[in-house]
Amino acid sequence: MKFLPYAGTVRLSGSKSILQRYLFMASLYHCQTILKPGSVCDDVTEMADAVRACGVSIKTGKAAIKVDSLGLNLHTETTVRFNASATALRFWLGRSLFIKAKTVILISEQLARRPLSPFLDDLQSWGCRVKTTEDNGPEYKLRIEITPPVKVPEEVEIDADVSSQFISGLMMAGTLAEEFFIIRFKQTPVSYLYLKLTEYLARDLNVNLDLDEGEALVQNGRFFRCPQTIMIEPEFSGGAFFHVLSVFTKSGVEVRNPSKYRFQPDWEIISILIEMGARFQDIDGKTCLQAEKLHGIERDMQDNPDLVPLLAVTALFADSPTILNRINRLQYKESDRIKGILNTFKKIGAGYLCGNGSLQIFPYKKRPPKCVLDTQNDHRLVIAFTFLKLHFPQLELSEAESVKKSCPEFFSILASLKQKD
């Protein structure tokens, strides 16, 4: 295994998945709090802008985000705009069911290409009136107007294999129900760990939310309570990369976690790397992994689809084949990530088999030609393909700006860890 010249300690911005959930809850309840560390990534910025449209004061920064929702205008018509954050959009669709006023959502062409009709169909079946209009200027492809039902149903049934984000939005907004709101799943939810993340965070705010693989039971949030300061886990779309990088260094790379929790599904990269043969250390809130070599594994990725691009390129450097199962959801992410991975494997001449929702990756023994890897403007592909570029500098990325969606400090941190020859 080739070792890379990197070492040091990584301090990341706060998790966008967690920050978005706390900000979203501020659009539902009155509170004053400080979220530390904060983030200025695109996803958090879009959610903050949407919440501001509800009369909430938010001051964003990398060190902290200050939230004051005492001026919240809850049941009033609002117009929000989403360019790239599917999470913010899908949360807001769930919110529109419970707000006693029309919700207007403007979305970009990029988001309009992603699955949308299942959520709008659900809202209509639950009594909402939904009107969509296309071609709303050069920036926003689609305008969606949602008028809530006269009475919100106490119980709904949903296809849970479409989006955990929409369900999370319903779970959080469902705390506005008169007494309780039940979401029944027709099948085991996709990305179930993200729903567990929503449950954990809601309970931290004294909201009674009970979840299992069959249903979610949400009680009215009249006892909502928000701490004055909330410590946020680091953003682990980037953190997962630095743990993989650590395995390929002699001295190791530490990732600092100021929070006592590890709720993000991306933390699973630690157990995956341990299964592949890495040794793990957790000392004083700093985590580090190292290994002499990695072994191939077989893994179900149903609950961790976002890790697949990074894990797929990591598997190229294992000493035996790796099989990643149940990866079909990747084609519906920011880009068709399956296509992005396979196109890169073809360009560099990597061995793989793909079919029936599984990807088998064989150890890579070649030196790739000079070529450009297409990131498809997807932050997860940028992060994954950067790991390839560290091993093979002749490779280039088609773009790297999209990493700002989740981890804008990614490349500056990476540069700070580079050791001099």
Protein backbone atom coordinates (compact mmCIF):
# COMPACT_ATOMS: atom_id res chain seq x y z
CA MET A 1 0.00 0.00 0.00
CA LYS A 2 1.37 3.39 -0.99
CA PHE A 3 1.69 5.88 1.88
CA LEU A 4 0.91 9.53 1.23
CA PRO A 5 2.82 12.50 2.76
CA TYR A 6 0.07 13.90 5.00
CA ALA A 7 -0.23 14.33 8.79
CA GLY A 8 -1.91 16.57 11.34
CA THR A 9 -5.25 17.36 12.97
CA VAL A 10 -8.41 18.26 11.06
CA ARG A 11 -10.97 20.75 12.38
CA LEU A 12 -14.08 20.75 10.24
CA SER A 13 -17.14 22.97 10.11
CA GLY A 14 -20.36 21.69 11.64
CA SER A 15 -22.32 18.93 9.97
CA LYS A 16 -24.67 20.28 7.31
CA SER A 17 -27.14 17.45 7.98
CA ILE A 18 -27.40 18.40 11.65
CA LEU A 19 -27.31 22.16 11.14
CA GLN A 20 -30.05 21.97 8.51
CA ARG A 21 -32.29 20.07 10.91
CA TYR A 22 -31.78 22.55 13.74
CA LEU A 23 -32.34 25.51 11.41
CA PHE A 24 -35.46 23.87 10.03
CA MET A 25 -36.84 23.42 13.55
CA ALA A 26 -36.29 27.16 14.06
CA SER A 27 -38.84 27.70 11.26
CA LEU A 28 -41.40 25.83 13.42
CA TYR A 29 -40.78 27.04 17.00
CA HIS A 30 -39.62 30.09 18.91
CA CYS A 31 -36.09 29.75 20.22
CA GLN A 32 -32.73 31.46 20.72
CA THR A 33 -29.60 29.38 20.39
CA ILE A 34 -26.01 29.26 19.17
CA LEU A 35 -24.88 26.31 17.02
CA LYS A 36 -21.13 25.59 17.34
CA PRO A 37 -19.27 25.10 15.10
CA GLY A 38 -21.29 26.55 12.27
CA SER A 39 -20.82 26.29 8.52
CA VAL A 40 -20.97 28.49 5.44
CA CYS A 41 -21.49 25.59 3.02
CA ASP A 42 -24.08 26.03 0.28
CA ASP A 43 -26.62 23.60 1.79
CA VAL A 44 -26.64 25.37 5.16
CA THR A 45 -26.77 28.78 3.48
CA GLU A 46 -29.84 27.80 1.44
CA MET A 47 -31.66 26.46 4.48
CA ALA A 48 -30.78 29.60 6.47
CA ASP A 49 -32.14 31.83 3.68
CA ALA A 50 -35.41 29.85 3.63
CA VAL A 51 -35.80 30.11 7.41
CA ARG A 52 -35.11 33.87 7.27
CA ALA A 53 -38.12 34.17 4.95
CA CYS A 54 -40.21 33.13 7.97
CA GLY A 55 -39.00 36.09 10.04
CA VAL A 56 -36.17 34.26 11.81
CA SER A 57 -32.89 36.06 12.49
CA ILE A 58 -29.86 33.96 11.57
CA LYS A 59 -26.20 35.01 11.59
CA THR A 60 -24.09 32.37 9.85
CA GLY A 61 -20.38 31.72 10.22
CA LYS A 62 -17.90 28.89 10.29
CA ALA A 63 -17.26 29.25 14.03
CA ALA A 64 -20.93 29.53 15.01
CA ILE A 65 -24.46 30.19 13.80
CA LYS A 66 -26.69 32.41 15.94
CA VAL A 67 -30.42 31.74 15.69
CA ASP A 68 -33.24 33.91 17.04
CA SER A 69 -36.72 32.80 15.99
CA LEU A 70 -38.69 34.89 18.51
CA GLY A 71 -39.95 36.87 15.51
CA LEU A 72 -41.12 33.72 13.69
CA ASN A 73 -44.13 34.21 11.41
CA LEU A 74 -45.40 30.64 11.40
CA HIS A 75 -48.75 30.53 9.64
CA THR A 76 -48.13 33.17 6.96
CA GLU A 77 -47.53 32.82 3.23
CA THR A 78 -43.84 32.54 2.41
CA THR A 79 -41.75 32.28 -0.75
CA VAL A 80 -38.49 30.34 -0.58
CA ARG A 81 -35.83 29.56 -3.18
CA PHE A 82 -33.63 26.48 -3.54
CA ASN A 83 -30.79 26.13 -6.02
CA ALA A 84 -28.86 23.02 -4.99
CA SER A 85 -30.03 21.71 -1.62
CA ALA A 86 -32.41 18.77 -2.15
CA THR A 87 -32.51 18.33 1.62
CA ALA A 88 -33.81 21.86 2.22
CA LEU A 89 -36.35 21.48 -0.60
CA ARG A 90 -37.71 18.17 0.65
CA PHE A 91 -37.87 19.35 4.27
CA TRP A 92 -39.85 22.36 3.07
CA LEU A 93 -42.28 20.22 1.12
CA GLY A 94 -43.03 18.34 4.34
CA ARG A 95 -43.44 21.63 6.19
CA SER A 96 -46.04 22.88 3.70
CA LEU A 97 -48.54 20.26 4.88
CA PHE A 98 -48.74 21.80 8.36
CA ILE A 99 -48.49 25.54 7.69
CA LYS A 100 -51.94 27.19 7.57
CA ALA A 101 -51.04 29.38 4.61
CA LYS A 102 -49.84 28.98 1.04
CA THR A 103 -46.21 28.00 0.56
CA VAL A 104 -44.43 29.09 -2.64
CA ILE A 105 -41.21 27.26 -3.56
CA LEU A 106 -38.96 28.27 -6.47
CA ILE A 107 -36.42 25.63 -7.54
CA SER A 108 -33.55 25.49 -9.99
CA GLU A 109 -33.33 23.30 -13.06
CA GLN A 110 -30.79 21.10 -11.24
CA LEU A 111 -33.27 20.31 -8.47
CA ALA A 112 -36.19 20.03 -10.90
CA ARG A 113 -34.38 17.11 -12.55
CA ARG A 114 -34.42 15.12 -9.32
CA PRO A 115 -37.43 13.02 -8.19
CA LEU A 116 -40.20 15.42 -7.23
CA SER A 117 -43.58 14.07 -8.38
CA PRO A 118 -43.82 11.36 -5.66
CA PHE A 119 -43.75 14.04 -2.95
CA LEU A 120 -46.24 16.32 -4.70
CA ASP A 121 -48.54 13.35 -5.35
CA ASP A 122 -48.40 12.48 -1.64
CA LEU A 123 -49.23 16.04 -0.61
CA GLN A 124 -52.21 16.11 -2.97
CA SER A 125 -53.47 12.75 -1.69
CA TRP A 126 -53.38 14.21 1.84
CA GLY A 127 -55.56 17.17 0.84
CA CYS A 128 -53.09 19.81 -0.35
CA ARG A 129 -53.72 21.82 -3.51
CA VAL A 130 -50.55 21.86 -5.59
CA LYS A 131 -49.91 24.09 -8.59
CA THR A 132 -46.67 23.92 -10.58
CA THR A 133 -45.50 26.40 -13.20
CA GLU A 134 -42.41 25.96 -15.38
CA ASP A 135 -39.93 28.47 -16.82
CA ASN A 136 -39.83 31.10 -14.08
CA GLY A 137 -36.82 32.95 -15.40
CA PRO A 138 -33.21 31.91 -15.99
CA GLU A 139 -32.47 31.01 -12.36
CA TYR A 140 -35.56 29.06 -11.30
CA LYS A 141 -37.02 26.34 -13.48
CA LEU A 142 -40.10 25.53 -11.44
CA ARG A 143 -42.57 27.38 -9.20
CA ILE A 144 -44.57 25.24 -6.78
CA GLU A 145 -47.55 26.65 -4.89
CA ILE A 146 -48.90 24.46 -2.08
CA THR A 147 -52.11 25.27 -0.23
CA PRO A 148 -52.57 23.11 2.89
CA PRO A 149 -55.69 21.01 3.56
CA VAL A 150 -58.48 22.30 5.76
CA LYS A 151 -57.60 19.52 8.19
CA VAL A 152 -54.28 17.68 8.22
CA PRO A 153 -54.76 13.90 8.42
CA GLU A 154 -53.65 12.32 11.67
CA GLU A 155 -52.14 9.37 9.81
CA VAL A 156 -50.52 8.97 6.38
CA GLU A 157 -48.89 6.14 4.46
CA ILE A 158 -45.83 6.68 2.29
CA ASP A 159 -43.47 4.90 -0.08
CA ALA A 160 -40.39 4.99 2.11
CA ASP A 161 -37.94 3.94 -0.60
CA VAL A 162 -38.04 7.33 -2.37
CA SER A 163 -36.49 9.82 0.08
CA SER A 164 -35.59 9.89 3.76
CA GLN A 165 -35.33 13.70 3.50
CA PHE A 166 -39.03 14.16 2.72
CA ILE A 167 -39.92 11.83 5.60
CA SER A 168 -37.61 13.75 7.94
CA GLY A 169 -39.35 16.98 6.95
CA LEU A 170 -42.72 15.40 7.75
CA MET A 171 -41.40 14.07 11.06
CA MET A 172 -40.15 17.46 12.22
CA ALA A 173 -43.06 19.51 10.87
CA GLY A 174 -45.47 16.88 12.20
CA THR A 175 -44.78 18.23 15.69
CA LEU A 176 -47.17 21.06 14.71
CA ALA A 177 -50.07 18.57 14.61
CA GLU A 178 -52.89 19.15 17.10
CA GLU A 179 -52.02 16.05 19.12
CA PHE A 180 -50.03 13.53 17.09
CA PHE A 181 -49.08 12.59 13.54
CA ILE A 182 -48.32 9.05 12.33
CA ILE A 183 -46.30 8.20 9.22
CA ARG A 184 -46.62 4.56 8.18
CA PHE A 185 -43.99 3.13 5.83
CA LYS A 186 -44.97 0.77 3.02
CA GLN A 187 -41.46 -0.69 3.15
CA THR A 188 -38.26 -0.27 5.16
CA PRO A 189 -37.14 3.35 4.64
CA VAL A 190 -34.15 4.11 2.45
CA SER A 191 -31.26 5.80 4.34
CA TYR A 192 -32.92 4.81 7.62
CA LEU A 193 -30.00 6.13 9.68
CA TYR A 194 -30.84 9.67 8.52
CA LEU A 195 -34.31 9.21 9.98
CA LYS A 196 -32.70 8.06 13.23
CA LEU A 197 -30.61 11.24 13.12
CA THR A 198 -33.83 13.27 12.90
CA GLU A 199 -35.30 11.34 15.82
CA TYR A 200 -32.21 11.89 18.01
CA LEU A 201 -32.08 15.62 17.34
CA ALA A 202 -35.81 16.10 17.92
CA ARG A 203 -35.54 14.36 21.26
CA ASP A 204 -32.64 16.66 22.19
CA LEU A 205 -35.17 19.49 21.79
CA ASN A 206 -37.65 17.72 24.07
CA VAL A 207 -39.88 16.65 21.18
CA ASN A 208 -41.42 13.20 21.53
CA LEU A 209 -40.71 11.36 18.29
CA ASP A 210 -40.67 7.56 18.14
CA LEU A 211 -39.34 5.78 15.06
CA ASP A 212 -39.00 2.20 13.91
CA GLU A 213 -38.77 0.59 10.48
CA GLY A 214 -42.57 0.43 10.21
CA GLU A 215 -43.69 3.89 11.27
CA ALA A 216 -42.89 7.21 12.88
CA LEU A 217 -45.08 8.55 15.69
CA VAL A 218 -44.76 12.30 16.25
CA GLN A 219 -46.43 14.08 19.17
CA ASN A 220 -47.25 17.77 19.36
CA GLY A 221 -44.14 19.76 20.27
CA ARG A 222 -45.74 22.05 22.84
CA PHE A 223 -42.88 21.26 25.24
CA PHE A 224 -40.20 22.17 22.70
CA ARG A 225 -37.05 23.32 24.51
CA CYS A 226 -33.85 24.52 22.85
CA PRO A 227 -30.53 24.81 24.72
CA GLN A 228 -28.68 28.15 24.68
CA THR A 229 -25.73 26.49 22.95
CA ILE A 230 -25.68 23.28 20.92
CA MET A 231 -22.41 21.56 20.04
CA ILE A 232 -22.43 20.22 16.48
CA GLU A 233 -20.58 17.22 15.08
CA PRO A 234 -18.06 17.92 12.31
CA GLU A 235 -19.18 17.63 8.68
CA PHE A 236 -18.42 14.02 7.88
CA SER A 237 -18.70 14.05 4.11
CA GLY A 238 -15.25 15.61 4.49
CA GLY A 239 -14.43 13.78 7.72
CA ALA A 240 -14.86 10.40 6.03
CA PHE A 241 -12.31 11.42 3.42
CA PHE A 242 -9.75 12.41 6.05
CA HIS A 243 -10.17 9.09 7.87
CA VAL A 244 -9.54 7.25 4.60
CA LEU A 245 -6.53 9.50 4.00
CA SER A 246 -5.28 8.70 7.50
CA VAL A 247 -5.14 4.98 6.66
CA PHE A 248 -2.76 5.79 3.82
CA THR A 249 -0.30 7.83 5.91
CA LYS A 250 2.54 6.80 8.22
CA SER A 251 1.85 9.30 11.02
CA GLY A 252 -1.92 9.41 10.73
CA VAL A 253 -4.48 12.19 10.36
CA GLU A 254 -6.68 13.01 13.35
CA VAL A 255 -10.25 14.30 13.03
CA ARG A 256 -11.40 16.44 15.93
CA ASN A 257 -14.99 16.08 17.17
CA PRO A 258 -16.16 18.77 19.64
CA SER A 259 -19.51 16.98 20.13
CA LYS A 260 -20.03 13.94 22.34
CA TYR A 261 -22.31 12.41 19.69
CA ARG A 262 -21.77 10.55 16.42
CA PHE A 263 -25.17 10.59 14.79
CA GLN A 264 -24.26 11.08 11.13
CA PRO A 265 -24.45 7.93 9.00
CA ASP A 266 -21.07 8.85 7.49
CA TRP A 267 -19.40 7.95 10.79
CA GLU A 268 -19.91 4.37 9.61
CA ILE A 269 -16.74 4.83 7.54
CA ILE A 270 -14.84 4.05 10.75
CA SER A 271 -16.39 0.60 11.20
CA ILE A 272 -16.01 -0.08 7.47
CA LEU A 273 -12.28 0.71 7.53
CA ILE A 274 -11.84 -1.36 10.69
CA GLU A 275 -13.53 -4.26 8.91
CA MET A 276 -11.07 -3.75 6.05
CA GLY A 277 -8.15 -4.07 8.48
CA ALA A 278 -7.50 -0.59 9.91
CA ARG A 279 -6.68 0.14 13.56
CA PHE A 280 -8.75 2.81 15.31
CA GLN A 281 -7.85 5.27 18.06
CA ASP A 282 -10.09 7.76 19.85
CA ILE A 283 -8.18 9.96 22.28
CA ASP A 284 -9.52 13.20 23.79
CA GLY A 285 -12.10 13.67 21.06
CA LYS A 286 -9.64 13.06 18.23
CA THR A 287 -10.16 10.01 16.04
CA CYS A 288 -7.53 8.38 13.83
CA LEU A 289 -7.20 5.23 11.70
CA GLN A 290 -4.06 3.51 10.39
CA ALA A 291 -3.26 0.27 8.57
CA GLU A 292 -0.46 -1.63 6.89
CA LYS A 293 -2.88 -2.92 4.25
CA LEU A 294 -6.59 -3.10 3.53
CA HIS A 295 -8.67 -6.16 2.65
CA GLY A 296 -11.73 -6.33 0.45
CA ILE A 297 -15.14 -6.71 2.11
CA GLU A 298 -18.80 -7.20 1.19
CA ARG A 299 -21.10 -4.49 2.51
CA ASP A 300 -24.78 -3.50 2.31
CA MET A 301 -24.86 0.26 1.55
CA GLN A 302 -28.63 0.79 1.86
CA ASP A 303 -28.23 3.03 4.92
CA ASN A 304 -24.95 4.65 3.83
CA PRO A 305 -25.33 5.42 0.11
CA ASP A 306 -23.39 8.68 0.35
CA LEU A 307 -20.23 6.78 1.32
CA VAL A 308 -20.24 4.64 -1.84
CA PRO A 309 -18.13 6.94 -4.11
CA LEU A 310 -15.35 7.29 -1.52
CA LEU A 311 -15.49 3.64 -0.53
CA ALA A 312 -15.44 2.54 -4.18
CA VAL A 313 -12.16 4.34 -4.90
CA THR A 314 -10.70 3.20 -1.55
CA ALA A 315 -11.50 -0.40 -2.51
CA LEU A 316 -9.19 -0.08 -5.53
CA PHE A 317 -6.25 -0.15 -3.10
CA ALA A 318 -7.38 -3.21 -1.12
CA ASP A 319 -5.64 -6.56 -1.63
CA SER A 320 -8.84 -8.44 -2.56
CA PRO A 321 -12.19 -7.62 -4.21
CA THR A 322 -14.86 -5.52 -2.51
CA ILE A 323 -18.61 -5.86 -3.12
CA LEU A 324 -20.99 -2.98 -2.38
CA ASN A 325 -24.65 -4.05 -2.37
CA ARG A 326 -27.95 -2.14 -2.67
CA ILE A 327 -26.51 0.97 -4.31
CA ASN A 328 -29.32 1.75 -6.78
CA ARG A 329 -30.33 4.93 -4.92
CA LEU A 330 -27.07 6.55 -6.04
CA GLN A 331 -28.49 7.33 -9.46
CA TYR A 332 -30.96 9.78 -7.85
CA LYS A 333 -28.48 11.88 -5.89
CA GLU A 334 -26.97 15.25 -6.90
CA SER A 335 -25.87 13.36 -9.98
CA ASP A 336 -26.08 9.78 -11.20
CA ARG A 337 -23.24 8.69 -8.94
CA ILE A 338 -23.19 5.15 -10.26
CA LYS A 339 -22.56 6.53 -13.74
CA GLY A 340 -19.90 8.87 -12.35
CA ILE A 341 -18.03 6.05 -10.59
CA LEU A 342 -18.18 3.68 -13.55
CA ASN A 343 -17.09 6.35 -16.04
CA THR A 344 -14.03 7.03 -13.90
CA PHE A 345 -13.25 3.32 -13.54
CA LYS A 346 -13.42 2.96 -17.32
CA LYS A 347 -11.10 5.92 -17.88
CA ILE A 348 -8.40 4.62 -15.54
CA GLY A 349 -8.83 0.97 -16.55
CA ALA A 350 -10.06 -0.31 -13.19
CA GLY A 351 -11.65 -3.76 -12.95
CA TYR A 352 -15.26 -3.93 -11.82
CA LEU A 353 -18.60 -5.71 -12.24
CA CYS A 354 -21.86 -3.83 -11.85
CA GLY A 355 -25.42 -5.14 -11.96
CA ASN A 356 -28.52 -5.97 -9.92
CA GLY A 357 -27.82 -3.14 -7.50
CA SER A 358 -24.27 -4.32 -6.67
CA LEU A 359 -20.79 -3.10 -7.55
CA GLN A 360 -17.78 -5.41 -7.32
CA ILE A 361 -14.39 -3.68 -7.35
CA PHE A 362 -11.11 -5.46 -8.03
CA PRO A 363 -7.67 -4.39 -6.76
CA TYR A 364 -6.08 -1.81 -9.03
CA LYS A 365 -2.58 -2.69 -10.21
CA LYS A 366 -2.10 -0.15 -13.00
CA ARG A 367 -0.93 3.40 -13.47
CA PRO A 368 -3.72 5.40 -15.13
CA PRO A 369 -3.20 7.60 -18.19
CA LYS A 370 -3.41 11.36 -17.91
CA CYS A 371 -7.12 12.17 -18.09
CA VAL A 372 -9.92 14.33 -16.69
CA LEU A 373 -12.37 12.72 -14.28
CA ASP A 374 -15.94 14.02 -14.61
CA THR A 375 -17.27 15.01 -11.17
CA GLN A 376 -20.72 15.79 -12.60
CA ASN A 377 -20.76 18.90 -10.34
CA ASP A 378 -21.28 16.57 -7.38
CA HIS A 379 -19.45 17.24 -4.10
CA ARG A 380 -19.25 13.54 -3.19
CA LEU A 381 -17.54 12.72 -6.49
CA VAL A 382 -15.12 15.62 -6.04
CA ILE A 383 -14.13 14.26 -2.63
CA ALA A 384 -13.81 10.67 -3.85
CA PHE A 385 -11.87 11.49 -7.02
CA THR A 386 -9.52 13.77 -5.06
CA PHE A 387 -8.34 10.64 -3.24
CA LEU A 388 -7.46 9.10 -6.62
CA LYS A 389 -5.63 12.25 -7.63
CA LEU A 390 -3.48 12.10 -4.48
CA HIS A 391 -2.22 8.71 -5.65
CA PHE A 392 -1.96 9.66 -9.33
CA PRO A 393 -1.20 13.38 -9.82
CA GLN A 394 -1.63 13.07 -13.60
CA LEU A 395 -5.39 12.83 -13.04
CA GLU A 396 -7.46 16.02 -13.14
CA LEU A 397 -10.98 16.83 -11.97
CA SER A 398 -13.49 18.47 -14.28
CA GLU A 399 -14.37 20.90 -11.47
CA ALA A 400 -13.99 21.22 -7.72
CA GLU A 401 -16.29 24.13 -6.85
CA SER A 402 -19.18 21.82 -5.99
CA VAL A 403 -17.39 20.77 -2.79
CA LYS A 404 -18.72 24.04 -1.34
CA LYS A 405 -22.09 22.31 -1.07
CA SER A 406 -20.91 20.47 2.05
CA CYS A 407 -17.30 21.29 2.95
CA PRO A 408 -15.97 24.59 1.54
CA GLU A 409 -12.76 24.30 3.60
CA PHE A 410 -11.96 20.85 2.18
CA PHE A 411 -9.03 21.79 -0.06
CA SER A 412 -7.49 24.32 2.34
CA ILE A 413 -7.46 21.67 5.09
CA LEU A 414 -5.94 19.13 2.73
CA ALA A 415 -3.19 21.59 1.75
CA SER A 416 -2.42 22.30 5.42
CA LEU A 417 -1.81 18.58 6.06
CA LYS A 418 0.70 18.15 3.22
CA GLN A 419 4.16 17.37 4.54
CA LYS A 420 7.30 18.76 2.96
CA ASP A 421 9.56 16.28 1.19
